[in-house]
Amino acid sequence: MDLEIKADAKGAEEYNSNLFLTTSPHTQILGQGADIVLGSKLKAAGLESNINANFNNRVYIGTPQLDYFNQLFDMKNGYVFNNARVGFNAQYNMDTSSSAMDDPNDAIGFVFQRIPKVSRMIQPNYTYHISDNTQINVAYKYRDTQYDKVIQLAPLPFPNTLGHTTTADISHQLNKDLQLTASLFYKDFLLIHQAETDKLISNGALQSSPQWTEEIYTEIAMLGANYLFSDTLKLSAAAGFQSNSQSSQAYNVLSSTGSVVTHATDNKGNTFSEVYLAKLSKRLNYANDAHSDVALENSRSIMPSPNGILVGYDKYAASLAHYWSPKWSAKIGLTYTDRSYPVTQKLSSSVWGTQASIAWKIGAGFELSGNYQYTQLNDKALAASGLLDIATSNALTFNIAYIFGKQLKL
């Protein structure tokens, strides 16, 4: 039985010129952070277990509402027997991100407001090898997310969500270079919009609305392939279609006088869209074990946003990572994303992102790193009406980390 224990402690100094990526009046922010990661990996007679605990804290000067203690507990377990593998994953996350339902905003790298939330996830999964070249995978994921109800920065309370995702895929190794894949996804999101009482609107009136619900269903079918041109050049691609249907509960919005301001009836809608992803990766080997990893990526995805609107993401990304030695490395990445909301209205906003980092492993477990990120948001629909200029953000972070690792034979 092998047991590996790992610990990572990190201190960070951060500067951000526009933390919320907004055109509203804002100030440049300085902050500090302290991160701790504890992990263990166990292997024994077909059993493999990975358990990790992450604790992150960010304190921004003059912005006390961001002083939250973020926690992430993650567990991945699997047991292999005969031609099959049974797995069980679980996660508990308490943080201040405004994203939900696998919203890719985190990957794009911008936030509009920090809103405390708690999410829980469980995912049983099963893999069966039909033959040496063919295997099937099935999985079910349950996830619920609850948002803090009273947040001054939020224009309206985010809905609590319940999500169910069922996936099934099959892969077949046609030859040593070509693998074929097919995937099916079914996702069901229930959004529970929180009640609002005496909400002050722009004309000074007070309005109230009860709790109401909205449901979003998506079905995705994709075919794909992975092809090895050589030991260092790989292409992965998949394409298919996604069907989305929505329904919402009827409710009334009332003024403080008791009159009905708005009457929202049952709302149902359906959309149908293509989805795809493609990634080309290349490794360049140099002398003395130095190497570079280059990747190009393009994808089209449709996801529900926390406010219940279906959003389309057309993403283009390029990255370069270079390793001079085991101690020195650097990375740079470029990302361009077109967001369409609703999903039928393409190119309604765009996001440019640039990331660069350099890391130095000093020795004895210590590592120094520096990171820079530039983000630009252009909401084309609002900009055309003169309501919004382009918002930009610059973020610079310096980190010092201590990494401890030990492997035991039990």
Protein backbone atom coordinates (compact mmCIF):
# COMPACT_ATOMS: atom_id res chain seq x y z
CA MET A 1 0.00 0.00 0.00
CA ASP A 2 1.37 3.40 -1.04
CA LEU A 3 0.43 6.62 0.77
CA GLU A 4 1.51 10.03 -0.49
CA ILE A 5 1.01 13.13 1.67
CA LYS A 6 1.32 16.64 0.28
CA ALA A 7 1.03 20.13 1.75
CA ASP A 8 1.30 23.50 0.02
CA ALA A 9 1.35 26.84 1.83
CA LYS A 10 1.36 30.07 -0.19
CA GLY A 11 1.48 33.77 0.56
CA ALA A 12 0.41 36.28 -2.11
CA GLU A 13 0.62 40.03 -2.72
CA GLU A 14 -1.89 41.28 -5.28
CA TYR A 15 -2.61 44.45 -7.24
CA ASN A 16 -5.73 44.92 -9.37
CA SER A 17 -6.68 48.04 -11.31
CA ASN A 18 -10.35 47.07 -11.73
CA LEU A 19 -11.36 44.09 -9.63
CA PHE A 20 -14.99 43.99 -10.81
CA LEU A 21 -14.14 44.78 -14.47
CA THR A 22 -16.62 47.66 -14.52
CA THR A 23 -16.92 51.11 -16.10
CA SER A 24 -18.47 52.42 -12.88
CA PRO A 25 -16.23 54.55 -10.63
CA HIS A 26 -13.66 52.29 -9.01
CA THR A 27 -10.28 52.44 -7.33
CA GLN A 28 -7.13 50.43 -7.80
CA ILE A 29 -6.97 47.70 -5.17
CA LEU A 30 -4.10 46.20 -3.22
CA GLY A 31 -4.57 42.88 -1.48
CA GLN A 32 -2.92 40.03 0.33
CA GLY A 33 -3.66 36.35 0.31
CA ALA A 34 -2.81 33.18 2.18
CA ASP A 35 -3.53 29.75 0.65
CA ILE A 36 -3.11 26.28 2.14
CA VAL A 37 -3.58 22.99 0.29
CA LEU A 38 -3.53 19.63 2.09
CA GLY A 39 -3.71 16.43 0.11
CA SER A 40 -3.31 12.68 0.28
CA LYS A 41 -3.18 9.90 -2.29
CA LEU A 42 -3.66 6.24 -1.38
CA LYS A 43 -3.11 3.18 -3.61
CA ALA A 44 -3.78 -0.36 -2.44
CA ALA A 45 -4.97 -3.53 -4.22
CA GLY A 46 -7.18 -1.90 -6.84
CA LEU A 47 -8.21 1.01 -4.61
CA GLU A 48 -7.16 4.57 -5.39
CA SER A 49 -8.23 7.50 -3.24
CA ASN A 50 -7.40 11.21 -3.56
CA ILE A 51 -8.53 13.62 -0.85
CA ASN A 52 -7.68 17.34 -0.90
CA ALA A 53 -8.56 20.36 1.21
CA ASN A 54 -7.99 23.92 -0.06
CA PHE A 55 -8.23 27.02 2.12
CA ASN A 56 -7.95 30.41 0.40
CA ASN A 57 -8.23 33.88 1.85
CA ARG A 58 -8.06 37.25 0.07
CA VAL A 59 -8.09 40.57 1.90
CA TYR A 60 -8.39 43.72 -0.22
CA ILE A 61 -7.59 47.08 1.36
CA GLY A 62 -10.68 49.28 1.65
CA THR A 63 -13.02 46.52 0.43
CA PRO A 64 -14.06 44.59 3.57
CA GLN A 65 -16.97 42.82 1.86
CA LEU A 66 -14.41 40.64 0.05
CA ASP A 67 -12.83 39.32 3.25
CA TYR A 68 -14.09 35.75 3.01
CA PHE A 69 -12.48 32.47 3.90
CA ASN A 70 -12.84 30.20 0.87
CA GLN A 71 -12.90 26.45 1.42
CA LEU A 72 -12.80 23.56 -1.03
CA PHE A 73 -12.90 19.89 -0.02
CA ASP A 74 -12.49 17.45 -2.88
CA MET A 75 -12.53 13.65 -2.90
CA LYS A 76 -12.00 11.24 -5.82
CA ASN A 77 -12.16 7.51 -5.16
CA GLY A 78 -12.02 4.54 -7.49
CA TYR A 79 -11.82 0.76 -7.30
CA VAL A 80 -10.66 -1.41 -10.23
CA PHE A 81 -11.77 -5.02 -10.60
CA ASN A 82 -11.69 -7.36 -13.62
CA ASN A 83 -12.57 -5.15 -16.63
CA ALA A 84 -14.36 -2.42 -14.72
CA ARG A 85 -13.82 0.58 -12.47
CA VAL A 86 -16.29 2.02 -9.97
CA GLY A 87 -15.74 5.58 -8.79
CA PHE A 88 -17.24 8.10 -6.41
CA ASN A 89 -16.36 11.79 -6.36
CA ALA A 90 -17.58 14.42 -3.91
CA GLN A 91 -16.95 18.12 -3.37
CA TYR A 92 -17.87 20.88 -0.94
CA ASN A 93 -17.08 24.46 -1.90
CA MET A 94 -17.64 27.70 0.00
CA ASP A 95 -16.38 30.78 -1.85
CA THR A 96 -17.22 34.26 -3.08
CA SER A 97 -17.38 33.73 -6.83
CA SER A 98 -20.46 34.89 -8.71
CA SER A 99 -20.38 31.95 -11.15
CA ALA A 100 -22.50 28.81 -10.93
CA MET A 101 -23.66 25.79 -12.92
CA ASP A 102 -20.20 25.27 -14.44
CA ASP A 103 -20.26 28.86 -15.72
CA PRO A 104 -16.99 29.39 -17.65
CA ASN A 105 -16.61 32.96 -16.35
CA ASP A 106 -13.89 31.72 -13.99
CA ALA A 107 -11.82 30.44 -16.91
CA ILE A 108 -12.32 33.71 -18.78
CA GLY A 109 -10.96 35.50 -15.74
CA PHE A 110 -13.35 38.26 -14.74
CA VAL A 111 -15.93 38.97 -12.04
CA PHE A 112 -18.66 41.57 -11.70
CA GLN A 113 -19.29 41.09 -8.01
CA ARG A 114 -18.22 38.76 -5.26
CA ILE A 115 -21.24 36.93 -3.83
CA PRO A 116 -20.81 34.27 -1.12
CA LYS A 117 -22.09 30.85 -2.07
CA VAL A 118 -21.97 27.26 -0.86
CA SER A 119 -22.10 24.36 -3.33
CA ARG A 120 -22.11 20.60 -2.83
CA MET A 121 -21.49 17.92 -5.44
CA ILE A 122 -21.55 14.13 -5.57
CA GLN A 123 -20.72 12.07 -8.67
CA PRO A 124 -20.80 8.27 -8.86
CA ASN A 125 -19.28 6.89 -12.07
CA TYR A 126 -18.61 3.56 -13.76
CA THR A 127 -16.21 2.45 -16.50
CA TYR A 128 -16.30 -0.90 -18.31
CA HIS A 129 -13.75 -2.22 -20.81
CA ILE A 130 -15.71 -4.12 -23.45
CA SER A 131 -12.41 -5.13 -25.07
CA ASP A 132 -8.79 -4.06 -25.04
CA ASN A 133 -9.66 -1.24 -27.44
CA THR A 134 -13.19 -0.22 -26.38
CA GLN A 135 -14.57 1.18 -23.14
CA ILE A 136 -17.78 2.81 -21.96
CA ASN A 137 -18.22 5.39 -19.17
CA VAL A 138 -21.39 6.42 -17.38
CA ALA A 139 -21.71 9.01 -14.63
CA TYR A 140 -24.29 10.95 -12.68
CA LYS A 141 -23.61 14.29 -10.97
CA TYR A 142 -25.77 16.08 -8.41
CA ARG A 143 -24.88 19.65 -7.51
CA ASP A 144 -26.68 22.25 -5.43
CA THR A 145 -25.62 25.87 -4.95
CA GLN A 146 -26.94 28.34 -2.40
CA TYR A 147 -26.18 32.07 -2.54
CA ASP A 148 -26.11 34.65 0.20
CA LYS A 149 -29.45 36.46 -0.03
CA VAL A 150 -28.56 39.96 1.18
CA ILE A 151 -25.63 41.37 -0.78
CA GLN A 152 -25.46 45.10 -1.46
CA LEU A 153 -23.35 44.71 -4.61
CA ALA A 154 -25.82 42.40 -6.32
CA PRO A 155 -28.48 44.06 -8.49
CA LEU A 156 -30.80 41.20 -7.51
CA PRO A 157 -30.40 38.03 -5.44
CA PHE A 158 -28.92 35.16 -7.43
CA PRO A 159 -31.17 32.07 -7.51
CA ASN A 160 -30.26 28.96 -5.59
CA THR A 161 -29.80 26.05 -7.99
CA LEU A 162 -30.16 22.28 -8.13
CA GLY A 163 -28.46 20.46 -10.98
CA HIS A 164 -28.61 16.88 -12.26
CA THR A 165 -26.22 15.75 -15.00
CA THR A 166 -26.11 12.29 -16.58
CA THR A 167 -23.36 11.42 -19.06
CA ALA A 168 -22.55 8.38 -21.16
CA ASP A 169 -19.66 8.01 -23.58
CA ILE A 170 -17.86 5.31 -25.50
CA SER A 171 -14.33 5.34 -26.89
CA HIS A 172 -12.70 2.95 -29.35
CA GLN A 173 -8.99 2.76 -30.16
CA LEU A 174 -9.14 2.12 -33.90
CA ASN A 175 -5.36 1.87 -34.21
CA LYS A 176 -2.30 3.09 -32.31
CA ASP A 177 -2.81 6.66 -33.56
CA LEU A 178 -6.60 7.13 -33.82
CA GLN A 179 -9.23 6.99 -31.07
CA LEU A 180 -12.94 7.52 -31.82
CA THR A 181 -15.40 8.87 -29.22
CA ALA A 182 -19.16 9.39 -28.83
CA SER A 183 -20.86 11.21 -25.92
CA LEU A 184 -24.36 11.93 -24.61
CA PHE A 185 -25.20 14.47 -21.89
CA TYR A 186 -28.47 15.28 -20.12
CA LYS A 187 -28.60 18.23 -17.72
CA ASP A 188 -31.48 19.50 -15.62
CA PHE A 189 -31.12 22.79 -13.68
CA LEU A 190 -33.75 24.04 -11.23
CA LEU A 191 -33.33 27.72 -10.36
CA ILE A 192 -35.08 28.87 -7.18
CA HIS A 193 -35.28 32.66 -7.39
CA GLN A 194 -35.27 34.21 -3.94
CA ALA A 195 -38.11 36.47 -2.80
CA GLU A 196 -37.53 40.22 -2.83
CA THR A 197 -39.24 42.55 -0.38
CA ASP A 198 -39.39 46.36 -0.74
CA LYS A 199 -36.73 46.53 -3.43
CA LEU A 200 -35.92 50.14 -4.28
CA ILE A 201 -36.00 50.80 -8.05
CA SER A 202 -34.71 53.72 -10.11
CA ASN A 203 -37.80 55.95 -9.71
CA GLY A 204 -37.75 55.60 -5.92
CA ALA A 205 -40.67 53.19 -5.68
CA LEU A 206 -40.62 49.97 -3.66
CA GLN A 207 -41.43 46.64 -5.30
CA SER A 208 -41.76 43.09 -3.99
CA SER A 209 -41.90 39.67 -5.62
CA PRO A 210 -42.37 36.16 -4.18
CA GLN A 211 -40.02 33.21 -4.55
CA TRP A 212 -40.42 31.63 -7.98
CA THR A 213 -38.79 28.83 -9.95
CA GLU A 214 -37.36 28.27 -13.39
CA GLU A 215 -36.18 25.03 -15.00
CA ILE A 216 -33.65 24.53 -17.78
CA TYR A 217 -33.12 21.21 -19.62
CA THR A 218 -30.25 20.54 -22.01
CA GLU A 219 -29.40 17.48 -24.09
CA ILE A 220 -26.07 17.19 -25.92
CA ALA A 221 -24.84 14.59 -28.43
CA MET A 222 -21.27 14.70 -29.75
CA LEU A 223 -18.93 12.63 -31.94
CA GLY A 224 -15.18 13.07 -31.75
CA ALA A 225 -11.71 11.74 -32.39
CA ASN A 226 -8.20 11.92 -30.91
CA TYR A 227 -5.34 11.57 -33.37
CA LEU A 228 -1.60 11.28 -32.70
CA PHE A 229 0.41 12.65 -35.61
CA SER A 230 3.54 11.77 -33.62
CA ASP A 231 4.66 11.27 -30.03
CA THR A 232 4.67 15.05 -29.59
CA LEU A 233 1.76 16.25 -31.75
CA LYS A 234 -1.90 15.50 -30.85
CA LEU A 235 -5.26 16.68 -32.19
CA SER A 236 -8.52 16.28 -30.26
CA ALA A 237 -11.86 17.27 -31.78
CA ALA A 238 -15.57 16.71 -31.16
CA ALA A 239 -18.74 18.23 -32.58
CA GLY A 240 -22.46 17.81 -32.10
CA PHE A 241 -25.74 19.48 -31.21
CA GLN A 242 -27.37 20.79 -28.05
CA SER A 243 -31.08 21.16 -27.41
CA ASN A 244 -32.24 23.55 -24.68
CA SER A 245 -35.71 24.01 -23.21
CA GLN A 246 -36.82 26.42 -20.47
CA SER A 247 -39.93 26.92 -18.40
CA SER A 248 -40.62 29.40 -15.59
CA GLN A 249 -43.29 29.79 -12.97
CA ALA A 250 -45.87 32.60 -13.12
CA TYR A 251 -45.62 35.30 -10.43
CA ASN A 252 -46.63 38.90 -9.70
CA VAL A 253 -44.43 41.90 -8.91
CA LEU A 254 -46.23 44.24 -6.48
CA SER A 255 -45.66 47.87 -5.57
CA SER A 256 -45.71 49.14 -1.98
CA THR A 257 -49.30 50.28 -2.58
CA GLY A 258 -50.40 46.73 -3.34
CA SER A 259 -51.00 47.22 -7.06
CA VAL A 260 -49.65 44.73 -9.62
CA VAL A 261 -46.70 46.34 -11.43
CA THR A 262 -45.83 43.37 -13.63
CA HIS A 263 -47.45 40.03 -14.23
CA ALA A 264 -45.07 37.29 -15.41
CA THR A 265 -46.88 34.35 -16.96
CA ASP A 266 -45.60 30.83 -17.54
CA ASN A 267 -42.69 31.13 -19.92
CA LYS A 268 -41.46 28.31 -22.14
CA GLY A 269 -38.85 28.34 -24.87
CA ASN A 270 -36.64 26.03 -26.92
CA THR A 271 -33.34 26.58 -28.71
CA PHE A 272 -31.14 24.31 -30.80
CA SER A 273 -27.45 24.98 -31.38
CA GLU A 274 -24.27 23.38 -32.62
CA VAL A 275 -21.48 22.73 -30.10
CA TYR A 276 -17.89 21.73 -30.74
CA LEU A 277 -14.36 21.72 -29.40
CA ALA A 278 -10.95 21.27 -30.99
CA LYS A 279 -7.48 21.30 -29.43
CA LEU A 280 -4.07 20.92 -31.06
CA SER A 281 -1.10 20.38 -28.75
CA LYS A 282 2.60 20.12 -29.56
CA ARG A 283 5.68 19.46 -27.41
CA LEU A 284 9.06 20.83 -28.54
CA ASN A 285 12.07 19.10 -27.00
CA TYR A 286 15.43 20.81 -26.60
CA ALA A 287 18.81 19.93 -25.13
CA ASN A 288 19.32 19.23 -21.44
CA ASP A 289 15.66 18.17 -20.89
CA ALA A 290 14.34 21.64 -21.72
CA HIS A 291 11.03 21.65 -23.57
CA SER A 292 8.02 23.75 -24.59
CA ASP A 293 4.32 22.89 -24.71
CA VAL A 294 2.18 24.72 -27.28
CA ALA A 295 -1.63 24.44 -27.48
CA LEU A 296 -4.34 25.95 -29.68
CA GLU A 297 -8.01 25.59 -28.75
CA ASN A 298 -11.40 26.55 -30.17
CA SER A 299 -14.81 25.69 -28.72
CA ARG A 300 -18.51 26.54 -28.84
CA SER A 301 -20.58 25.86 -25.71
CA ILE A 302 -24.00 26.75 -24.33
CA MET A 303 -24.45 27.18 -20.57
CA PRO A 304 -27.06 28.60 -18.21
CA SER A 305 -25.94 31.72 -16.34
CA PRO A 306 -26.78 32.28 -12.65
CA ASN A 307 -29.66 34.58 -13.65
CA GLY A 308 -31.24 31.85 -15.80
CA ILE A 309 -30.31 33.15 -19.24
CA LEU A 310 -28.77 30.70 -21.71
CA VAL A 311 -25.38 32.05 -22.78
CA GLY A 312 -23.32 30.93 -25.77
CA TYR A 313 -19.51 31.01 -25.59
CA ASP A 314 -17.29 31.00 -28.69
CA LYS A 315 -13.80 30.66 -27.28
CA TYR A 316 -10.38 30.87 -28.93
CA ALA A 317 -7.25 30.22 -26.89
CA ALA A 318 -3.51 29.84 -27.38
CA SER A 319 -0.93 28.95 -24.75
CA LEU A 320 2.82 28.45 -24.54
CA ALA A 321 4.65 26.94 -21.58
CA HIS A 322 8.46 26.73 -21.57
CA TYR A 323 10.58 24.76 -19.11
CA TRP A 324 14.26 25.72 -19.08
CA SER A 325 14.91 23.21 -16.29
CA PRO A 326 13.01 21.51 -13.46
CA LYS A 327 13.51 24.76 -11.50
CA TRP A 328 12.62 27.46 -14.06
CA SER A 329 9.42 27.72 -16.10
CA ALA A 330 7.21 30.35 -17.73
CA LYS A 331 3.74 30.40 -19.30
CA ILE A 332 1.80 32.78 -21.48
CA GLY A 333 -1.78 32.52 -22.69
CA LEU A 334 -4.16 34.46 -24.93
CA THR A 335 -7.94 34.05 -24.80
CA TYR A 336 -10.71 35.62 -26.85
CA THR A 337 -14.34 34.82 -26.09
CA ASP A 338 -17.55 35.98 -27.76
CA ARG A 339 -20.52 35.70 -25.44
CA SER A 340 -24.05 35.64 -26.83
CA TYR A 341 -27.00 36.23 -24.53
CA PRO A 342 -29.60 35.17 -25.18
CA VAL A 343 -27.95 32.29 -27.02
CA THR A 344 -29.73 33.20 -30.27
CA GLN A 345 -28.06 36.65 -30.32
CA LYS A 346 -24.43 36.13 -31.25
CA LEU A 347 -21.52 38.51 -30.64
CA SER A 348 -23.32 40.55 -27.99
CA SER A 349 -20.15 40.91 -25.90
CA SER A 350 -16.51 39.97 -26.16
CA VAL A 351 -13.73 39.33 -23.66
CA TRP A 352 -9.99 39.53 -24.32
CA GLY A 353 -7.65 37.91 -21.81
CA THR A 354 -3.86 37.72 -21.51
CA GLN A 355 -2.05 35.78 -18.80
CA ALA A 356 1.69 35.47 -18.17
CA SER A 357 3.58 33.83 -15.32
CA ILE A 358 7.07 32.77 -14.32
CA ALA A 359 8.05 30.34 -11.57
CA TRP A 360 11.33 29.51 -9.84
CA LYS A 361 11.71 26.46 -7.62
CA ILE A 362 14.40 27.66 -5.24
CA GLY A 363 14.94 24.33 -3.56
CA ALA A 364 14.08 22.73 -0.21
CA GLY A 365 10.41 22.96 -1.18
CA PHE A 366 10.26 26.73 -1.76
CA GLU A 367 8.92 28.31 -4.96
CA LEU A 368 8.63 31.92 -6.11
CA SER A 369 6.23 32.96 -8.87
CA GLY A 370 4.81 36.06 -10.47
CA ASN A 371 1.58 36.34 -12.48
CA TYR A 372 0.09 39.06 -14.67
CA GLN A 373 -3.41 39.12 -16.15
CA TYR A 374 -5.03 41.63 -18.49
CA THR A 375 -8.75 41.47 -19.23
CA GLN A 376 -10.91 43.60 -21.53
CA LEU A 377 -14.70 43.46 -21.70
CA ASN A 378 -16.70 45.02 -24.53
CA ASP A 379 -20.48 44.72 -24.28
CA LYS A 380 -21.35 45.44 -27.90
CA ALA A 381 -25.10 45.78 -27.43
CA LEU A 382 -24.78 48.36 -24.66
CA ALA A 383 -21.84 50.15 -26.26
CA ALA A 384 -23.87 50.70 -29.44
CA SER A 385 -26.46 52.58 -27.37
CA GLY A 386 -23.80 54.64 -25.60
CA LEU A 387 -24.45 53.10 -22.18
CA LEU A 388 -21.15 51.30 -21.66
CA ASP A 389 -17.53 51.88 -22.60
CA ILE A 390 -14.93 49.15 -22.79
CA ALA A 391 -13.89 47.95 -19.31
CA THR A 392 -10.29 46.84 -18.71
CA SER A 393 -8.48 45.28 -15.78
CA ASN A 394 -4.81 44.69 -14.91
CA ALA A 395 -3.89 42.26 -12.16
CA LEU A 396 -0.41 41.48 -10.83
CA THR A 397 0.31 38.84 -8.19
CA PHE A 398 3.52 37.70 -6.47
CA ASN A 399 3.57 34.38 -4.60
CA ILE A 400 5.93 32.52 -2.32
CA ALA A 401 5.05 28.90 -1.63
CA TYR A 402 6.37 26.01 0.40
CA ILE A 403 5.56 22.52 -0.89
CA PHE A 404 5.96 19.42 1.24
CA GLY A 405 5.58 15.91 -0.11
CA LYS A 406 6.27 12.47 1.38
CA GLN A 407 5.59 8.95 0.09
CA LEU A 408 5.15 6.07 2.54
CA LYS A 409 5.08 2.31 2.05
CA LEU A 410 2.56 0.76 4.43
